[in-house]
Amino acid sequence: MTGVQTCALPIYLRLAIGAVPVPIYLPYLIYPSQTKRTSGFLPPVIGSSSLLGTKFGLNYYQVLGDSADATLSPTWYSKEGILWGTELRWLISNQHQGKFTGEIIRSQSLNKLRYRFSLNESFKNPSGWNFYLRSNESSDNLMDIDYGSGISSLSGTSHASNLLVEKNYQWGRLTMKAFSNRAFIQSDTEGDRIYNLNFPNSFYKQLLPEITLQTKALSLNSTFIDMKFSIGSFNYLATKTDETKTMNSRWQRSDLALHAYGALFDLGPSKWSFELLGREIGRAHV
């Protein structure tokens, strides 16, 4: 992984309370100067807002060998408390890399634990195995807007988790996938749109998981045949803010598809071919 080398620079910061100056001495300040990665403190983050109050954050960057690093970023808000944040990155090889970011805070105004995290991991094995994981979750729909930075945070987070494991063979591919997509429900007629206990807070659509076997086309003279078979289950889940379930509906599903195509004959300048598709879907409520 690439990074920066840092060096120490003495710095003096002078503040004043009313007309009385208050000297504050910081022993050193870490700043980038060259290409080698070095652990150390990053410049502090200072700000204020009418919603969260005064903001002060002090980030620390830690090198974890040649292939990983981490950043610790606690941020104090005068009206809400301390937002504990971290970012961890790893680049084991070109076939294996990932990143984790997370933040958590006990909101003083809401008396509620709020959080958000994002995890991305990808791994490709020379033997044909591939692994992909992406998860982006938060405790509520306003977490990104309240504690995000920049205009992009206004669009909110895509609350989704996706898992894909696949193995490639000469004859086809074996795949296992799962996902959980979360949509926050909002209703102006129910009072508080996010924290009202009498209204469903979120709705999940889940695939738990699905296994698929897909073959490559098999040649029989001028005809080609391939097959795809999937089996898995869907779940629809609605919950309230207090985690009470208002709906839990699970469906088992199977899907078999046979595909045949090929050439028939030539008639003058035209060529005639055919394509057949047969599909059987089974579904049952669990």
C-alpha atoms as a PDB file:
ATOM      1  CA  MET A   1       0.000   0.000   0.000  1.00  0.00           C
ATOM      2  CA  THR A   2       1.209   3.515  -0.668  1.00  0.00           C
ATOM      3  CA  GLY A   3       1.283   6.214   1.951  1.00  0.00           C
ATOM      4  CA  VAL A   4       3.199   9.175   3.341  1.00  0.00           C
ATOM      5  CA  GLN A   5       6.179   9.757   5.603  1.00  0.00           C
ATOM      6  CA  THR A   6       5.610  12.250   8.397  1.00  0.00           C
ATOM      7  CA  CYS A   7       7.734  14.494  10.548  1.00  0.00           C
ATOM      8  CA  ALA A   8       7.216  16.468  13.767  1.00  0.00           C
ATOM      9  CA  LEU A   9       6.712  20.226  13.762  1.00  0.00           C
ATOM     10  CA  PRO A  10       6.239  22.230  17.017  1.00  0.00           C
ATOM     11  CA  ILE A  11       3.134  24.388  16.957  1.00  0.00           C
ATOM     12  CA  TYR A  12       1.628  26.870  19.401  1.00  0.00           C
ATOM     13  CA  LEU A  13      -2.095  27.603  19.560  1.00  0.00           C
ATOM     14  CA  ARG A  14      -3.291  30.643  21.519  1.00  0.00           C
ATOM     15  CA  LEU A  15      -6.940  31.035  22.490  1.00  0.00           C
ATOM     16  CA  ALA A  16      -8.731  33.710  24.505  1.00  0.00           C
ATOM     17  CA  ILE A  17     -11.648  33.530  26.936  1.00  0.00           C
ATOM     18  CA  GLY A  18     -13.131  36.975  26.875  1.00  0.00           C
ATOM     19  CA  ALA A  19     -10.177  39.361  27.137  1.00  0.00           C
ATOM     20  CA  VAL A  20      -7.958  36.802  28.913  1.00  0.00           C
ATOM     21  CA  PRO A  21      -5.509  34.944  26.625  1.00  0.00           C
ATOM     22  CA  VAL A  22      -5.167  31.206  27.296  1.00  0.00           C
ATOM     23  CA  PRO A  23      -2.009  29.646  25.836  1.00  0.00           C
ATOM     24  CA  ILE A  24      -2.283  26.030  24.694  1.00  0.00           C
ATOM     25  CA  TYR A  25       0.800  24.083  23.638  1.00  0.00           C
ATOM     26  CA  LEU A  26       0.626  21.065  21.341  1.00  0.00           C
ATOM     27  CA  PRO A  27       3.883  19.056  21.589  1.00  0.00           C
ATOM     28  CA  TYR A  28       4.016  18.158  17.909  1.00  0.00           C
ATOM     29  CA  LEU A  29       1.982  18.072  14.722  1.00  0.00           C
ATOM     30  CA  ILE A  30       2.285  15.235  12.195  1.00  0.00           C
ATOM     31  CA  TYR A  31       2.098  16.233   8.546  1.00  0.00           C
ATOM     32  CA  PRO A  32       2.865  14.410   5.256  1.00  0.00           C
ATOM     33  CA  SER A  33       6.241  15.126   3.661  1.00  0.00           C
ATOM     34  CA  GLN A  34       7.470  12.067   1.713  1.00  0.00           C
ATOM     35  CA  THR A  35       6.235   8.759   0.274  1.00  0.00           C
ATOM     36  CA  LYS A  36       6.766   6.373   3.211  1.00  0.00           C
ATOM     37  CA  ARG A  37       3.792   5.643   5.464  1.00  0.00           C
ATOM     38  CA  THR A  38       4.249   6.578   9.122  1.00  0.00           C
ATOM     39  CA  SER A  39       1.866   6.396  12.078  1.00  0.00           C
ATOM     40  CA  GLY A  40       0.822   9.647  13.734  1.00  0.00           C
ATOM     41  CA  PHE A  41      -1.907  12.193  14.470  1.00  0.00           C
ATOM     42  CA  LEU A  42      -3.726  13.889  11.612  1.00  0.00           C
ATOM     43  CA  PRO A  43      -4.878  17.535  11.647  1.00  0.00           C
ATOM     44  CA  PRO A  44      -7.808  18.084  14.067  1.00  0.00           C
ATOM     45  CA  VAL A  45     -11.358  18.633  12.836  1.00  0.00           C
ATOM     46  CA  ILE A  46     -13.222  21.608  14.326  1.00  0.00           C
ATOM     47  CA  GLY A  47     -16.730  22.838  13.540  1.00  0.00           C
ATOM     48  CA  SER A  48     -20.191  23.592  14.868  1.00  0.00           C
ATOM     49  CA  SER A  49     -23.859  23.165  13.975  1.00  0.00           C
ATOM     50  CA  SER A  50     -27.194  24.089  15.526  1.00  0.00           C
ATOM     51  CA  LEU A  51     -28.203  20.419  15.693  1.00  0.00           C
ATOM     52  CA  LEU A  52     -25.058  18.784  17.124  1.00  0.00           C
ATOM     53  CA  GLY A  53     -23.292  21.718  18.785  1.00  0.00           C
ATOM     54  CA  THR A  54     -19.537  22.255  18.824  1.00  0.00           C
ATOM     55  CA  LYS A  55     -17.523  19.597  16.999  1.00  0.00           C
ATOM     56  CA  PHE A  56     -13.942  18.554  17.739  1.00  0.00           C
ATOM     57  CA  GLY A  57     -12.253  15.496  16.264  1.00  0.00           C
ATOM     58  CA  LEU A  58      -8.707  14.192  16.593  1.00  0.00           C
ATOM     59  CA  ASN A  59      -7.764  11.448  14.123  1.00  0.00           C
ATOM     60  CA  TYR A  60      -4.881   9.012  14.501  1.00  0.00           C
ATOM     61  CA  TYR A  61      -3.351   7.050  11.608  1.00  0.00           C
ATOM     62  CA  GLN A  62      -1.705   3.689  12.334  1.00  0.00           C
ATOM     63  CA  VAL A  63       0.378   1.637   9.917  1.00  0.00           C
ATOM     64  CA  LEU A  64      -0.265  -2.104  10.204  1.00  0.00           C
ATOM     65  CA  GLY A  65       2.589  -3.549   8.190  1.00  0.00           C
ATOM     66  CA  ASP A  66       3.071  -3.340   4.439  1.00  0.00           C
ATOM     67  CA  SER A  67      -0.444  -4.396   3.500  1.00  0.00           C
ATOM     68  CA  ALA A  68      -2.827  -2.718   5.979  1.00  0.00           C
ATOM     69  CA  ASP A  69      -3.475   0.496   7.894  1.00  0.00           C
ATOM     70  CA  ALA A  70      -6.123   1.950  10.193  1.00  0.00           C
ATOM     71  CA  THR A  71      -7.461   5.367  11.173  1.00  0.00           C
ATOM     72  CA  LEU A  72      -9.094   6.039  14.546  1.00  0.00           C
ATOM     73  CA  SER A  73     -11.360   9.090  14.485  1.00  0.00           C
ATOM     74  CA  PRO A  74     -13.201   9.934  17.731  1.00  0.00           C
ATOM     75  CA  THR A  75     -15.253  13.132  17.381  1.00  0.00           C
ATOM     76  CA  TRP A  76     -16.831  15.014  20.292  1.00  0.00           C
ATOM     77  CA  TYR A  77     -20.150  16.851  19.826  1.00  0.00           C
ATOM     78  CA  SER A  78     -21.218  19.133  22.687  1.00  0.00           C
ATOM     79  CA  LYS A  79     -24.937  18.256  22.326  1.00  0.00           C
ATOM     80  CA  GLU A  80     -24.666  14.557  21.457  1.00  0.00           C
ATOM     81  CA  GLY A  81     -21.513  13.052  22.973  1.00  0.00           C
ATOM     82  CA  ILE A  82     -18.611  11.192  21.346  1.00  0.00           C
ATOM     83  CA  LEU A  83     -18.887   9.632  17.921  1.00  0.00           C
ATOM     84  CA  TRP A  84     -16.406   6.745  17.799  1.00  0.00           C
ATOM     85  CA  GLY A  85     -15.177   6.099  14.274  1.00  0.00           C
ATOM     86  CA  THR A  86     -12.603   3.912  12.576  1.00  0.00           C
ATOM     87  CA  GLU A  87     -11.414   2.937   9.125  1.00  0.00           C
ATOM     88  CA  LEU A  88      -9.419  -0.218   8.352  1.00  0.00           C
ATOM     89  CA  ARG A  89      -7.948  -1.008   4.934  1.00  0.00           C
ATOM     90  CA  TRP A  90      -6.055  -4.034   3.666  1.00  0.00           C
ATOM     91  CA  LEU A  91      -4.450  -4.946   0.360  1.00  0.00           C
ATOM     92  CA  ILE A  92      -3.045  -8.438   0.761  1.00  0.00           C
ATOM     93  CA  SER A  93      -2.567  -8.864  -2.993  1.00  0.00           C
ATOM     94  CA  ASN A  94      -4.180  -7.858  -6.276  1.00  0.00           C
ATOM     95  CA  GLN A  95      -6.610 -10.743  -5.689  1.00  0.00           C
ATOM     96  CA  HIS A  96      -7.418  -9.953  -2.041  1.00  0.00           C
ATOM     97  CA  GLN A  97      -8.374  -6.529  -0.725  1.00  0.00           C
ATOM     98  CA  GLY A  98     -10.978  -4.883   1.460  1.00  0.00           C
ATOM     99  CA  LYS A  99     -12.056  -1.958   3.595  1.00  0.00           C
ATOM    100  CA  PHE A 100     -14.113  -1.431   6.755  1.00  0.00           C
ATOM    101  CA  THR A 101     -15.476   1.865   8.078  1.00  0.00           C
ATOM    102  CA  GLY A 102     -17.705   2.276  11.100  1.00  0.00           C
ATOM    103  CA  GLU A 103     -19.130   4.878  13.467  1.00  0.00           C
ATOM    104  CA  ILE A 104     -21.183   4.543  16.643  1.00  0.00           C
ATOM    105  CA  ILE A 105     -22.591   7.037  19.147  1.00  0.00           C
ATOM    106  CA  ARG A 106     -24.956   7.039  22.124  1.00  0.00           C
ATOM    107  CA  SER A 107     -27.157  10.002  21.213  1.00  0.00           C
ATOM    108  CA  GLN A 108     -27.851  12.154  24.273  1.00  0.00           C
ATOM    109  CA  SER A 109     -30.872  13.909  22.779  1.00  0.00           C
ATOM    110  CA  LEU A 110     -32.553  10.663  21.645  1.00  0.00           C
ATOM    111  CA  ASN A 111     -31.154   8.349  24.344  1.00  0.00           C
ATOM    112  CA  LYS A 112     -30.530   5.901  21.523  1.00  0.00           C
ATOM    113  CA  LEU A 113     -27.547   3.982  20.184  1.00  0.00           C
ATOM    114  CA  ARG A 114     -26.938   5.013  16.584  1.00  0.00           C
ATOM    115  CA  TYR A 115     -24.423   3.474  14.200  1.00  0.00           C
ATOM    116  CA  ARG A 116     -23.397   2.958  10.611  1.00  0.00           C
ATOM    117  CA  PHE A 117     -20.793   0.708   9.017  1.00  0.00           C
ATOM    118  CA  SER A 118     -19.560  -0.341   5.612  1.00  0.00           C
ATOM    119  CA  LEU A 119     -17.604  -3.489   4.759  1.00  0.00           C
ATOM    120  CA  ASN A 120     -16.153  -4.443   1.390  1.00  0.00           C
ATOM    121  CA  GLU A 121     -14.137  -7.604   0.811  1.00  0.00           C
ATOM    122  CA  SER A 122     -13.087  -9.337  -2.407  1.00  0.00           C
ATOM    123  CA  PHE A 123     -10.969 -12.439  -2.914  1.00  0.00           C
ATOM    124  CA  LYS A 124     -10.098 -14.336  -6.078  1.00  0.00           C
ATOM    125  CA  ASN A 125      -8.392 -17.709  -5.897  1.00  0.00           C
ATOM    126  CA  PRO A 126      -6.293 -19.043  -8.813  1.00  0.00           C
ATOM    127  CA  SER A 127      -8.153 -22.361  -8.490  1.00  0.00           C
ATOM    128  CA  GLY A 128     -11.386 -20.662  -9.630  1.00  0.00           C
ATOM    129  CA  TRP A 129     -13.010 -19.633  -6.331  1.00  0.00           C
ATOM    130  CA  ASN A 130     -14.251 -16.033  -6.063  1.00  0.00           C
ATOM    131  CA  PHE A 131     -15.629 -14.327  -2.941  1.00  0.00           C
ATOM    132  CA  TYR A 132     -17.316 -10.915  -2.798  1.00  0.00           C
ATOM    133  CA  LEU A 133     -18.912  -9.248   0.225  1.00  0.00           C
ATOM    134  CA  ARG A 134     -20.418  -5.786   0.474  1.00  0.00           C
ATOM    135  CA  SER A 135     -22.410  -4.590   3.462  1.00  0.00           C
ATOM    136  CA  ASN A 136     -23.630  -1.070   4.173  1.00  0.00           C
ATOM    137  CA  GLU A 137     -25.921  -0.649   7.160  1.00  0.00           C
ATOM    138  CA  SER A 138     -27.007   1.961   9.686  1.00  0.00           C
ATOM    139  CA  SER A 139     -29.362   2.198  12.624  1.00  0.00           C
ATOM    140  CA  ASP A 140     -31.692   4.728  10.992  1.00  0.00           C
ATOM    141  CA  ASN A 141     -32.243   6.720   7.853  1.00  0.00           C
ATOM    142  CA  LEU A 142     -30.893  10.007   9.264  1.00  0.00           C
ATOM    143  CA  MET A 143     -27.531   8.733  10.505  1.00  0.00           C
ATOM    144  CA  ASP A 144     -25.688   9.645   7.317  1.00  0.00           C
ATOM    145  CA  ILE A 145     -27.358  13.034   7.097  1.00  0.00           C
ATOM    146  CA  ASP A 146     -26.692  13.966  10.737  1.00  0.00           C
ATOM    147  CA  TYR A 147     -23.069  12.813  10.888  1.00  0.00           C
ATOM    148  CA  GLY A 148     -22.108  12.720   7.209  1.00  0.00           C
ATOM    149  CA  SER A 149     -19.924  15.235   5.460  1.00  0.00           C
ATOM    150  CA  GLY A 150     -20.604  16.917   2.159  1.00  0.00           C
ATOM    151  CA  ILE A 151     -23.661  17.230  -0.043  1.00  0.00           C
ATOM    152  CA  SER A 152     -23.471  13.540  -1.020  1.00  0.00           C
ATOM    153  CA  SER A 153     -24.603  12.542   2.470  1.00  0.00           C
ATOM    154  CA  LEU A 154     -28.037  14.070   1.805  1.00  0.00           C
ATOM    155  CA  SER A 155     -28.863  11.156  -0.495  1.00  0.00           C
ATOM    156  CA  GLY A 156     -28.566   8.754   2.443  1.00  0.00           C
ATOM    157  CA  THR A 157     -27.060   5.302   2.548  1.00  0.00           C
ATOM    158  CA  SER A 158     -27.920   2.310   0.441  1.00  0.00           C
ATOM    159  CA  HIS A 159     -28.843  -0.092   3.243  1.00  0.00           C
ATOM    160  CA  ALA A 160     -27.881  -3.330   1.545  1.00  0.00           C
ATOM    161  CA  SER A 161     -25.710  -6.369   2.149  1.00  0.00           C
ATOM    162  CA  ASN A 162     -24.634  -8.651  -0.682  1.00  0.00           C
ATOM    163  CA  LEU A 163     -22.659 -11.905  -0.600  1.00  0.00           C
ATOM    164  CA  LEU A 164     -21.439 -13.851  -3.622  1.00  0.00           C
ATOM    165  CA  VAL A 165     -19.365 -17.040  -3.637  1.00  0.00           C
ATOM    166  CA  GLU A 166     -18.692 -18.760  -6.949  1.00  0.00           C
ATOM    167  CA  LYS A 167     -16.556 -21.547  -8.365  1.00  0.00           C
ATOM    168  CA  ASN A 168     -15.769 -21.827 -12.060  1.00  0.00           C
ATOM    169  CA  TYR A 169     -15.390 -25.250 -13.667  1.00  0.00           C
ATOM    170  CA  GLN A 170     -14.708 -26.400 -17.204  1.00  0.00           C
ATOM    171  CA  TRP A 171     -18.319 -27.572 -17.501  1.00  0.00           C
ATOM    172  CA  GLY A 172     -19.983 -24.557 -15.844  1.00  0.00           C
ATOM    173  CA  ARG A 173     -20.273 -22.510 -12.678  1.00  0.00           C
ATOM    174  CA  LEU A 174     -21.536 -23.028  -9.130  1.00  0.00           C
ATOM    175  CA  THR A 175     -22.778 -19.875  -7.365  1.00  0.00           C
ATOM    176  CA  MET A 176     -24.117 -19.059  -3.916  1.00  0.00           C
ATOM    177  CA  LYS A 177     -25.519 -15.586  -3.325  1.00  0.00           C
ATOM    178  CA  ALA A 178     -27.435 -13.829  -0.587  1.00  0.00           C
ATOM    179  CA  PHE A 179     -28.617 -10.282   0.006  1.00  0.00           C
ATOM    180  CA  SER A 180     -30.581  -8.164   2.443  1.00  0.00           C
ATOM    181  CA  ASN A 181     -32.011  -4.855   1.233  1.00  0.00           C
ATOM    182  CA  ARG A 182     -33.497  -2.490   3.802  1.00  0.00           C
ATOM    183  CA  ALA A 183     -35.877   0.378   3.073  1.00  0.00           C
ATOM    184  CA  PHE A 184     -36.817   2.810   5.837  1.00  0.00           C
ATOM    185  CA  ILE A 185     -40.523   3.622   5.924  1.00  0.00           C
ATOM    186  CA  GLN A 186     -41.583   7.217   6.424  1.00  0.00           C
ATOM    187  CA  SER A 187     -45.096   8.563   7.050  1.00  0.00           C
ATOM    188  CA  ASP A 188     -45.927  12.144   7.959  1.00  0.00           C
ATOM    189  CA  THR A 189     -49.309  11.024   9.336  1.00  0.00           C
ATOM    190  CA  GLU A 190     -47.659   8.876  12.023  1.00  0.00           C
ATOM    191  CA  GLY A 191     -45.854  11.686  13.848  1.00  0.00           C
ATOM    192  CA  ASP A 192     -42.088  11.215  14.100  1.00  0.00           C
ATOM    193  CA  ARG A 193     -41.133   9.519  10.846  1.00  0.00           C
ATOM    194  CA  ILE A 194     -38.075   7.693  12.193  1.00  0.00           C
ATOM    195  CA  TYR A 195     -38.444   7.000  15.916  1.00  0.00           C
ATOM    196  CA  ASN A 196     -42.190   6.475  16.335  1.00  0.00           C
ATOM    197  CA  LEU A 197     -42.731   3.079  18.055  1.00  0.00           C
ATOM    198  CA  ASN A 198     -46.254   2.653  16.647  1.00  0.00           C
ATOM    199  CA  PHE A 199     -45.193   2.579  13.002  1.00  0.00           C
ATOM    200  CA  PRO A 200     -42.931   0.105  11.136  1.00  0.00           C
ATOM    201  CA  ASN A 201     -39.465   1.596  11.070  1.00  0.00           C
ATOM    202  CA  SER A 202     -38.000  -0.483   8.255  1.00  0.00           C
ATOM    203  CA  PHE A 203     -38.749  -3.124   5.667  1.00  0.00           C
ATOM    204  CA  TYR A 204     -36.346  -5.904   4.639  1.00  0.00           C
ATOM    205  CA  LYS A 205     -36.262  -7.956   1.472  1.00  0.00           C
ATOM    206  CA  GLN A 206     -33.891 -10.884   1.949  1.00  0.00           C
ATOM    207  CA  LEU A 207     -32.485 -13.736  -0.119  1.00  0.00           C
ATOM    208  CA  LEU A 208     -31.443 -16.461   2.324  1.00  0.00           C
ATOM    209  CA  PRO A 209     -29.329 -17.705   0.358  1.00  0.00           C
ATOM    210  CA  GLU A 210     -29.710 -19.001  -3.211  1.00  0.00           C
ATOM    211  CA  ILE A 211     -27.550 -21.698  -4.818  1.00  0.00           C
ATOM    212  CA  THR A 212     -27.294 -21.800  -8.615  1.00  0.00           C
ATOM    213  CA  LEU A 213     -25.784 -24.428 -10.904  1.00  0.00           C
ATOM    214  CA  GLN A 214     -25.272 -23.265 -14.469  1.00  0.00           C
ATOM    215  CA  THR A 215     -23.712 -25.388 -17.226  1.00  0.00           C
ATOM    216  CA  LYS A 216     -21.900 -24.266 -20.328  1.00  0.00           C
ATOM    217  CA  ALA A 217     -23.427 -25.064 -23.683  1.00  0.00           C
ATOM    218  CA  LEU A 218     -23.120 -28.744 -24.618  1.00  0.00           C
ATOM    219  CA  SER A 219     -22.733 -29.372 -28.354  1.00  0.00           C
ATOM    220  CA  LEU A 220     -24.719 -32.175 -30.010  1.00  0.00           C
ATOM    221  CA  ASN A 221     -23.950 -31.948 -33.737  1.00  0.00           C
ATOM    222  CA  SER A 222     -25.516 -28.595 -34.680  1.00  0.00           C
ATOM    223  CA  THR A 223     -27.567 -28.290 -31.478  1.00  0.00           C
ATOM    224  CA  PHE A 224     -26.434 -26.658 -28.231  1.00  0.00           C
ATOM    225  CA  ILE A 225     -28.012 -27.294 -24.814  1.00  0.00           C
ATOM    226  CA  ASP A 226     -27.402 -25.555 -21.484  1.00  0.00           C
ATOM    227  CA  MET A 227     -29.130 -25.711 -18.116  1.00  0.00           C
ATOM    228  CA  LYS A 228     -29.590 -23.496 -15.067  1.00  0.00           C
ATOM    229  CA  PHE A 229     -30.971 -24.649 -11.727  1.00  0.00           C
ATOM    230  CA  SER A 230     -31.510 -22.444  -8.659  1.00  0.00           C
ATOM    231  CA  ILE A 231     -32.890 -23.119  -5.203  1.00  0.00           C
ATOM    232  CA  GLY A 232     -33.254 -20.665  -2.321  1.00  0.00           C
ATOM    233  CA  SER A 233     -35.696 -18.688  -0.219  1.00  0.00           C
ATOM    234  CA  PHE A 234     -36.996 -15.127  -0.005  1.00  0.00           C
ATOM    235  CA  ASN A 235     -38.057 -13.375   3.158  1.00  0.00           C
ATOM    236  CA  TYR A 236     -39.983 -10.145   3.698  1.00  0.00           C
ATOM    237  CA  LEU A 237     -39.605  -8.661   7.172  1.00  0.00           C
ATOM    238  CA  ALA A 238     -41.037  -5.457   8.655  1.00  0.00           C
ATOM    239  CA  THR A 239     -39.916  -4.181  12.068  1.00  0.00           C
ATOM    240  CA  LYS A 240     -40.670  -1.280  14.387  1.00  0.00           C
ATOM    241  CA  THR A 241     -38.122   0.924  16.089  1.00  0.00           C
ATOM    242  CA  ASP A 242     -38.211  -1.300  19.187  1.00  0.00           C
ATOM    243  CA  GLU A 243     -37.359  -4.305  16.921  1.00  0.00           C
ATOM    244  CA  THR A 244     -40.910  -5.693  17.168  1.00  0.00           C
ATOM    245  CA  LYS A 245     -41.762  -7.722  14.053  1.00  0.00           C
ATOM    246  CA  THR A 246     -44.970  -6.710  12.299  1.00  0.00           C
ATOM    247  CA  MET A 247     -44.525  -9.043   9.310  1.00  0.00           C
ATOM    248  CA  ASN A 248     -42.339 -12.087   8.667  1.00  0.00           C
ATOM    249  CA  SER A 249     -43.101 -13.876   5.405  1.00  0.00           C
ATOM    250  CA  ARG A 250     -40.708 -16.488   4.009  1.00  0.00           C
ATOM    251  CA  TRP A 251     -41.005 -18.247   0.640  1.00  0.00           C
ATOM    252  CA  GLN A 252     -39.047 -21.238  -0.652  1.00  0.00           C
ATOM    253  CA  ARG A 253     -38.332 -21.072  -4.376  1.00  0.00           C
ATOM    254  CA  SER A 254     -36.763 -23.326  -7.021  1.00  0.00           C
ATOM    255  CA  ASP A 255     -36.148 -22.542 -10.681  1.00  0.00           C
ATOM    256  CA  LEU A 256     -35.107 -24.957 -13.465  1.00  0.00           C
ATOM    257  CA  ALA A 257     -34.450 -23.694 -16.993  1.00  0.00           C
ATOM    258  CA  LEU A 258     -33.423 -25.753 -20.057  1.00  0.00           C
ATOM    259  CA  HIS A 259     -32.205 -23.905 -23.131  1.00  0.00           C
ATOM    260  CA  ALA A 260     -31.657 -25.477 -26.559  1.00  0.00           C
ATOM    261  CA  TYR A 261     -30.708 -23.749 -29.803  1.00  0.00           C
ATOM    262  CA  GLY A 262     -29.004 -24.512 -33.082  1.00  0.00           C
ATOM    263  CA  ALA A 263     -29.076 -24.435 -36.866  1.00  0.00           C
ATOM    264  CA  LEU A 264     -31.751 -26.191 -38.971  1.00  0.00           C
ATOM    265  CA  PHE A 265     -30.976 -25.708 -42.650  1.00  0.00           C
ATOM    266  CA  ASP A 266     -30.047 -23.227 -45.326  1.00  0.00           C
ATOM    267  CA  LEU A 267     -32.611 -22.121 -47.885  1.00  0.00           C
ATOM    268  CA  GLY A 268     -31.049 -20.034 -50.594  1.00  0.00           C
ATOM    269  CA  PRO A 269     -29.416 -16.975 -49.072  1.00  0.00           C
ATOM    270  CA  SER A 270     -31.277 -17.445 -45.731  1.00  0.00           C
ATOM    271  CA  LYS A 271     -30.306 -19.575 -42.747  1.00  0.00           C
ATOM    272  CA  TRP A 272     -32.923 -21.136 -40.478  1.00  0.00           C
ATOM    273  CA  SER A 273     -32.310 -21.842 -36.816  1.00  0.00           C
ATOM    274  CA  PHE A 274     -34.328 -22.643 -33.715  1.00  0.00           C
ATOM    275  CA  GLU A 275     -34.345 -21.800 -29.992  1.00  0.00           C
ATOM    276  CA  LEU A 276     -36.342 -23.509 -27.246  1.00  0.00           C
ATOM    277  CA  LEU A 277     -36.639 -22.546 -23.598  1.00  0.00           C
ATOM    278  CA  GLY A 278     -38.361 -24.598 -20.933  1.00  0.00           C
ATOM    279  CA  ARG A 279     -38.746 -23.325 -17.383  1.00  0.00           C
ATOM    280  CA  GLU A 280     -40.272 -24.730 -14.208  1.00  0.00           C
ATOM    281  CA  ILE A 281     -40.697 -22.559 -11.097  1.00  0.00           C
ATOM    282  CA  GLY A 282     -41.664 -23.950  -7.729  1.00  0.00           C
ATOM    283  CA  ARG A 283     -42.758 -21.714  -4.848  1.00  0.00           C
ATOM    284  CA  ALA A 284     -44.015 -22.519  -1.358  1.00  0.00           C
ATOM    285  CA  HIS A 285     -44.712 -20.415   1.727  1.00  0.00           C
ATOM    286  CA  VAL A 286     -42.668 -21.514   4.750  1.00  0.00           C
END
